[in-house]
């Protein structure tokens, strides 16, 4: 796996998006920052403007190996409302390709029925949106092709779980040590 698409919607959680992008790039992944808005510049939930690499319609998802969704509000709601993204998520799940969502964003997967009978976690208060999931309350859950995270404070742990899952425990441990994140 090489290409990971991290999706930004207006109102995304900045810590989650930037931490995940940074950690994954440090691990050697090609990270595509994708705006689901009509503009490359996307404003986060704390009014920090971030420039995406691509607009959603510019991405060839056949070349993407994983979709990642940062949370934040109303960012997660905006991700959930994007029909093209929902379609890609369903395609990825049907092909058993990796999906990741943190904070409020696991609701996007939950509303698509992808978390039914799977261990999952999310930001407290969004559990009802994870339709049929087994809510663990853990910081990070990895089951089958889906990784979920609890919130901004565990964004690095979430990103390191992606590294561990797709590059191995040794790589994740070495990266965590370099970042003094262990």
Protein backbone atom coordinates (compact mmCIF):
# COMPACT_ATOMS: atom_id res chain seq x y z
CA UNK A 1 0.00 0.00 0.00
CA UNK A 2 1.31 3.42 -0.96
CA UNK A 3 -1.40 6.04 -1.55
CA UNK A 4 -3.60 7.23 1.28
CA UNK A 5 -6.28 9.88 0.65
CA UNK A 6 -7.07 12.04 3.69
CA UNK A 7 -10.32 13.93 3.10
CA UNK A 8 -11.00 17.46 4.31
CA UNK A 9 -14.45 18.99 4.58
CA UNK A 10 -15.35 22.43 5.92
CA UNK A 11 -15.22 22.20 9.71
CA UNK A 12 -12.68 19.34 9.92
CA UNK A 13 -10.68 18.80 13.13
CA UNK A 14 -7.27 20.30 12.40
CA UNK A 15 -5.25 18.26 14.92
CA UNK A 16 -6.60 15.03 13.50
CA UNK A 17 -6.03 15.90 9.85
CA UNK A 18 -2.57 17.43 10.16
CA UNK A 19 -1.25 14.87 12.65
CA UNK A 20 -2.42 11.98 10.49
CA UNK A 21 -1.02 13.50 7.30
CA UNK A 22 2.31 14.22 8.99
CA UNK A 23 2.74 10.77 10.60
CA UNK A 24 1.78 8.93 7.42
CA UNK A 25 4.18 10.98 5.32
CA UNK A 26 6.97 10.34 7.85
CA UNK A 27 6.22 6.63 7.45
CA UNK A 28 6.77 6.89 3.70
CA UNK A 29 3.17 6.80 2.48
CA UNK A 30 2.12 9.01 -0.39
CA UNK A 31 -0.63 11.08 1.23
CA UNK A 32 -3.15 12.83 -0.98
CA UNK A 33 -4.96 15.61 0.86
CA UNK A 34 -8.39 15.78 -0.78
CA UNK A 35 -10.95 18.56 -0.43
CA UNK A 36 -14.59 17.52 -0.66
CA UNK A 37 -15.45 21.22 -0.90
CA UNK A 38 -15.43 23.19 -4.13
CA UNK A 39 -12.14 24.84 -3.13
CA UNK A 40 -8.64 23.63 -2.35
CA UNK A 41 -8.49 25.82 0.77
CA UNK A 42 -10.60 24.24 3.49
CA UNK A 43 -11.32 25.87 6.85
CA UNK A 44 -11.19 23.67 9.92
CA UNK A 45 -13.43 23.77 12.97
CA UNK A 46 -10.99 26.15 14.70
CA UNK A 47 -10.76 28.48 11.70
CA UNK A 48 -7.36 27.20 10.51
CA UNK A 49 -7.23 27.23 6.73
CA UNK A 50 -5.51 24.26 5.09
CA UNK A 51 -4.73 23.81 1.43
CA UNK A 52 -5.60 20.41 -0.02
CA UNK A 53 -3.61 18.83 -2.84
CA UNK A 54 -6.68 17.89 -4.88
CA UNK A 55 -10.37 18.49 -5.24
CA UNK A 56 -12.43 15.31 -4.86
CA UNK A 57 -13.28 15.08 -8.58
CA UNK A 58 -9.57 15.27 -9.52
CA UNK A 59 -8.64 12.06 -7.69
CA UNK A 60 -8.36 8.74 -9.50
CA UNK A 61 -9.52 6.41 -6.72
CA UNK A 62 -8.20 3.41 -8.65
CA UNK A 63 -4.73 4.61 -7.56
CA UNK A 64 -5.74 5.16 -3.90
CA UNK A 65 -5.06 2.37 -1.42
CA UNK A 66 -6.81 3.78 1.68
CA UNK A 67 -9.41 6.41 2.53
CA UNK A 68 -9.03 8.32 5.82
CA UNK A 69 -11.63 10.63 7.36
CA UNK A 70 -10.70 13.15 10.06
CA UNK A 71 -13.53 14.16 12.36
CA UNK A 72 -14.57 17.52 13.72
CA UNK A 73 -17.88 19.25 13.39
CA UNK A 74 -19.40 20.13 11.08
CA UNK A 75 -16.60 18.42 9.10
CA UNK A 76 -17.83 14.89 9.72
CA UNK A 77 -21.38 15.87 8.75
CA UNK A 78 -20.03 17.41 5.55
CA UNK A 79 -18.10 14.22 4.76
CA UNK A 80 -21.26 12.19 5.38
CA UNK A 81 -23.24 14.44 3.02
CA UNK A 82 -20.81 14.03 0.09
CA UNK A 83 -22.38 11.43 -2.22
CA UNK A 84 -19.22 10.82 -4.25
CA UNK A 85 -17.20 10.11 -1.12
CA UNK A 86 -19.89 7.78 0.21
CA UNK A 87 -19.81 5.89 -3.09
CA UNK A 88 -16.01 5.54 -2.94
CA UNK A 89 -16.17 4.34 0.67
CA UNK A 90 -18.67 1.66 -0.29
CA UNK A 91 -16.50 0.62 -3.25
CA UNK A 92 -13.45 0.39 -1.00
CA UNK A 93 -15.31 -1.67 1.57
CA UNK A 94 -16.67 -4.02 -1.12
CA UNK A 95 -13.07 -4.54 -2.28
CA UNK A 96 -11.85 -4.97 1.31
CA UNK A 97 -9.62 -1.90 0.88
CA UNK A 98 -8.64 -0.02 4.06
CA UNK A 99 -10.78 2.71 5.59
CA UNK A 100 -9.96 4.90 8.57
CA UNK A 101 -12.10 7.37 10.51
CA UNK A 102 -11.50 9.25 13.75
CA UNK A 103 -13.55 11.29 16.23
CA UNK A 104 -17.01 12.01 14.78
CA UNK A 105 -16.10 10.64 11.33
CA UNK A 106 -16.78 6.96 12.16
CA UNK A 107 -20.44 8.03 11.83
CA UNK A 108 -19.87 8.19 8.07
CA UNK A 109 -18.96 4.50 8.08
CA UNK A 110 -21.71 3.69 10.59
CA UNK A 111 -24.40 5.37 8.53
CA UNK A 112 -23.32 3.26 5.56
CA UNK A 113 -23.73 0.08 7.66
CA UNK A 114 -20.02 -0.76 7.53
CA UNK A 115 -19.50 -1.07 11.29
CA UNK A 116 -22.30 -3.56 12.00
CA UNK A 117 -21.09 -6.21 14.48
CA UNK A 118 -17.54 -4.77 14.47
CA UNK A 119 -15.59 -3.26 17.34
CA UNK A 120 -15.38 0.48 16.80
CA UNK A 121 -14.76 3.68 18.69
CA UNK A 122 -15.66 7.33 18.23
CA UNK A 123 -15.88 10.65 20.01
CA UNK A 124 -18.26 10.36 23.00
CA UNK A 125 -21.79 11.29 22.01
CA UNK A 126 -21.63 9.87 18.47
CA UNK A 127 -22.11 6.22 19.43
CA UNK A 128 -25.71 6.14 18.12
CA UNK A 129 -24.39 7.05 14.66
CA UNK A 130 -22.29 3.86 14.48
CA UNK A 131 -25.34 1.71 13.65
CA UNK A 132 -24.81 -1.83 14.89
CA UNK A 133 -21.18 -1.38 15.96
CA UNK A 134 -19.80 -2.84 19.16
CA UNK A 135 -18.67 0.39 20.84
CA UNK A 136 -15.53 -0.27 22.88
CA UNK A 137 -14.55 3.21 24.00
CA UNK A 138 -10.91 2.32 23.30
CA UNK A 139 -8.63 4.96 21.82
CA UNK A 140 -8.20 3.02 18.57
CA UNK A 141 -9.85 -0.05 17.06
CA UNK A 142 -8.66 -2.00 14.03
CA UNK A 143 -11.00 -4.69 12.69
CA UNK A 144 -10.81 -6.22 9.24
CA UNK A 145 -10.24 -3.34 6.81
CA UNK A 146 -11.45 -0.56 9.16
CA UNK A 147 -9.56 1.51 11.72
CA UNK A 148 -11.45 3.91 13.99
CA UNK A 149 -10.14 6.41 16.52
CA UNK A 150 -11.69 8.24 19.46
CA UNK A 151 -10.64 11.87 18.95
CA UNK A 152 -8.03 14.59 18.55
CA UNK A 153 -5.96 13.49 21.54
CA UNK A 154 -5.28 10.11 19.97
CA UNK A 155 -4.62 11.28 16.39
CA UNK A 156 -0.96 10.22 16.51
CA UNK A 157 -1.86 6.85 18.03
CA UNK A 158 -4.50 6.41 15.30
CA UNK A 159 -1.98 7.26 12.56
CA UNK A 160 0.61 4.92 14.10
CA UNK A 161 -2.01 2.13 14.05
CA UNK A 162 -2.34 2.69 10.29
CA UNK A 163 1.46 2.45 10.00
CA UNK A 164 1.51 -0.70 12.15
CA UNK A 165 -1.32 -2.33 10.21
CA UNK A 166 0.16 -1.71 6.77
CA UNK A 167 3.93 -1.47 7.39
CA UNK A 168 4.35 -3.61 10.50
CA UNK A 169 4.89 -3.21 14.23
CA UNK A 170 8.62 -2.62 13.89
CA UNK A 171 8.13 0.34 11.52
CA UNK A 172 5.44 1.84 13.75
CA UNK A 173 7.58 1.41 16.87
CA UNK A 174 10.64 2.99 15.23
CA UNK A 175 8.58 5.93 14.01
CA UNK A 176 6.96 6.39 17.42
CA UNK A 177 10.40 6.41 19.03
CA UNK A 178 11.70 9.00 16.55
CA UNK A 179 8.67 11.19 17.29
CA UNK A 180 8.92 10.54 21.05
CA UNK A 181 5.33 9.31 20.86
CA UNK A 182 5.73 6.13 22.87
